[in-house]
Amino acid sequence: MKLEGILRVEGEELVFEYKKKDAVVEAYQSDLRTERVPLKELDMLEFKKGWFSGKLILHGKSARSFGDLPGEDLTERVLKVKCKHRNIAADISSNLNLQLSEQKLKELDD
């Protein structure tokens, strides 16, 4: 099975909309699912640029950070990004890391 979907930022949350597909012939598709991850559950984001695609790597603060969002690692989700969307993914990573840093500084001040 493979997952295909979109990621968007809504206020203080990441919103994932995705379908599960049969990886071989893509004959089977699940219904569209939506999962929300609060930004406060994230430790950081990384964007790694490749030759033909990129990867947006989300690092959660705990094993519960990603809820029911499918993935192999307890505290990490790796999203493959198409070449045409690499700049958007890099911007999301930069902007959210800045926002997460500001939240951490605010928590230190309190």
Protein backbone atom coordinates (compact mmCIF):
# COMPACT_ATOMS: atom_id res chain seq x y z
CA MET A 1 0.00 0.00 0.00
CA LYS A 2 1.07 3.58 -0.57
CA LEU A 3 -0.40 6.84 0.63
CA GLU A 4 -1.17 9.80 -1.58
CA GLY A 5 -2.47 13.10 -0.33
CA ILE A 6 -1.99 16.72 0.53
CA LEU A 7 -0.74 18.68 3.50
CA ARG A 8 -1.88 22.14 4.46
CA VAL A 9 -1.46 24.46 7.42
CA GLU A 10 -4.64 25.71 9.10
CA GLY A 11 -4.00 28.03 12.00
CA GLU A 12 -2.17 26.03 14.66
CA GLU A 13 -2.57 22.64 12.94
CA LEU A 14 -1.21 20.59 10.09
CA VAL A 15 -4.04 18.99 8.14
CA PHE A 16 -3.37 15.80 6.18
CA GLU A 17 -5.87 14.53 3.61
CA TYR A 18 -4.92 11.19 2.10
CA LYS A 19 -6.00 7.94 0.48
CA LYS A 20 -4.41 4.52 0.69
CA LYS A 21 -3.74 2.93 -2.69
CA ASP A 22 -2.58 -0.46 -3.89
CA ALA A 23 1.10 0.14 -4.71
CA VAL A 24 1.20 -2.24 -7.69
CA VAL A 25 -1.78 -1.49 -9.94
CA GLU A 26 -3.54 1.17 -7.84
CA ALA A 27 -6.81 -0.69 -8.33
CA TYR A 28 -7.81 -0.37 -4.68
CA GLN A 29 -8.31 3.03 -3.08
CA SER A 30 -9.57 3.75 0.39
CA ASP A 31 -11.92 6.56 1.25
CA LEU A 32 -10.40 10.00 1.80
CA ARG A 33 -9.18 10.37 5.39
CA THR A 34 -8.29 13.53 7.29
CA GLU A 35 -5.90 13.73 10.23
CA ARG A 36 -4.98 16.87 12.17
CA VAL A 37 -1.73 17.36 14.05
CA PRO A 38 -1.42 20.37 16.37
CA LEU A 39 1.80 22.33 15.82
CA LYS A 40 2.50 22.11 19.56
CA GLU A 41 3.03 18.34 19.03
CA LEU A 42 5.94 18.97 16.64
CA ASP A 43 9.56 19.37 17.66
CA MET A 44 10.86 20.43 14.24
CA LEU A 45 10.56 19.95 10.47
CA GLU A 46 13.30 19.19 7.95
CA PHE A 47 13.24 19.55 4.20
CA LYS A 48 15.70 17.51 2.15
CA LYS A 49 15.99 18.32 -1.52
CA GLY A 50 16.66 15.45 -3.94
CA TRP A 51 17.29 15.24 -7.67
CA PHE A 52 13.74 14.38 -8.68
CA SER A 53 11.76 14.95 -5.51
CA GLY A 54 12.20 16.05 -1.94
CA LYS A 55 11.33 14.89 1.56
CA LEU A 56 9.58 16.80 4.28
CA ILE A 57 10.42 15.14 7.60
CA LEU A 58 8.21 15.90 10.59
CA HIS A 59 9.63 15.23 14.06
CA GLY A 60 7.06 14.77 16.81
CA LYS A 61 7.59 15.37 20.50
CA SER A 62 6.16 11.99 21.52
CA ALA A 63 4.85 8.70 20.15
CA ARG A 64 1.32 10.14 20.33
CA SER A 65 2.12 13.26 18.30
CA PHE A 66 0.81 11.93 14.98
CA GLY A 67 -2.29 10.17 16.28
CA ASP A 68 -3.64 7.77 13.63
CA LEU A 69 -1.52 9.17 10.77
CA PRO A 70 0.14 6.14 9.15
CA GLY A 71 3.92 5.83 9.35
CA GLU A 72 6.77 3.49 10.21
CA ASP A 73 8.47 5.51 12.95
CA LEU A 74 6.91 6.44 16.30
CA THR A 75 8.07 10.06 16.36
CA GLU A 76 8.75 10.81 12.70
CA ARG A 77 6.77 11.04 9.46
CA VAL A 78 8.52 11.32 6.10
CA LEU A 79 6.50 12.88 3.29
CA LYS A 80 7.72 12.53 -0.28
CA VAL A 81 7.34 15.79 -2.18
CA LYS A 82 7.04 16.02 -5.97
CA CYS A 83 9.63 18.14 -7.76
CA LYS A 84 7.10 20.84 -8.66
CA HIS A 85 6.15 21.25 -4.97
CA ARG A 86 9.68 21.37 -3.49
CA ASN A 87 9.70 25.15 -3.01
CA ILE A 88 6.35 25.05 -1.21
CA ALA A 89 7.57 22.27 1.11
CA ALA A 90 10.79 24.18 1.84
CA ASP A 91 8.74 27.31 2.68
CA ILE A 92 6.42 25.31 4.96
CA SER A 93 9.44 23.86 6.75
CA SER A 94 11.11 27.26 7.23
CA ASN A 95 7.96 29.07 8.34
CA LEU A 96 6.84 26.37 10.77
CA ASN A 97 10.32 25.98 12.27
CA LEU A 98 10.35 29.74 12.90
CA GLN A 99 6.91 29.51 14.49
CA LEU A 100 7.98 26.54 16.65
CA SER A 101 11.10 28.41 17.77
CA GLU A 102 9.01 31.43 18.74
CA GLN A 103 6.67 29.17 20.75
CA LYS A 104 9.64 27.63 22.58
CA LEU A 105 11.04 31.06 23.43
CA LYS A 106 7.65 32.19 24.67
CA GLU A 107 7.42 29.09 26.91
CA LEU A 108 10.87 29.90 28.36
CA ASP A 109 9.74 33.45 29.19
CA ASP A 110 6.62 32.21 31.01
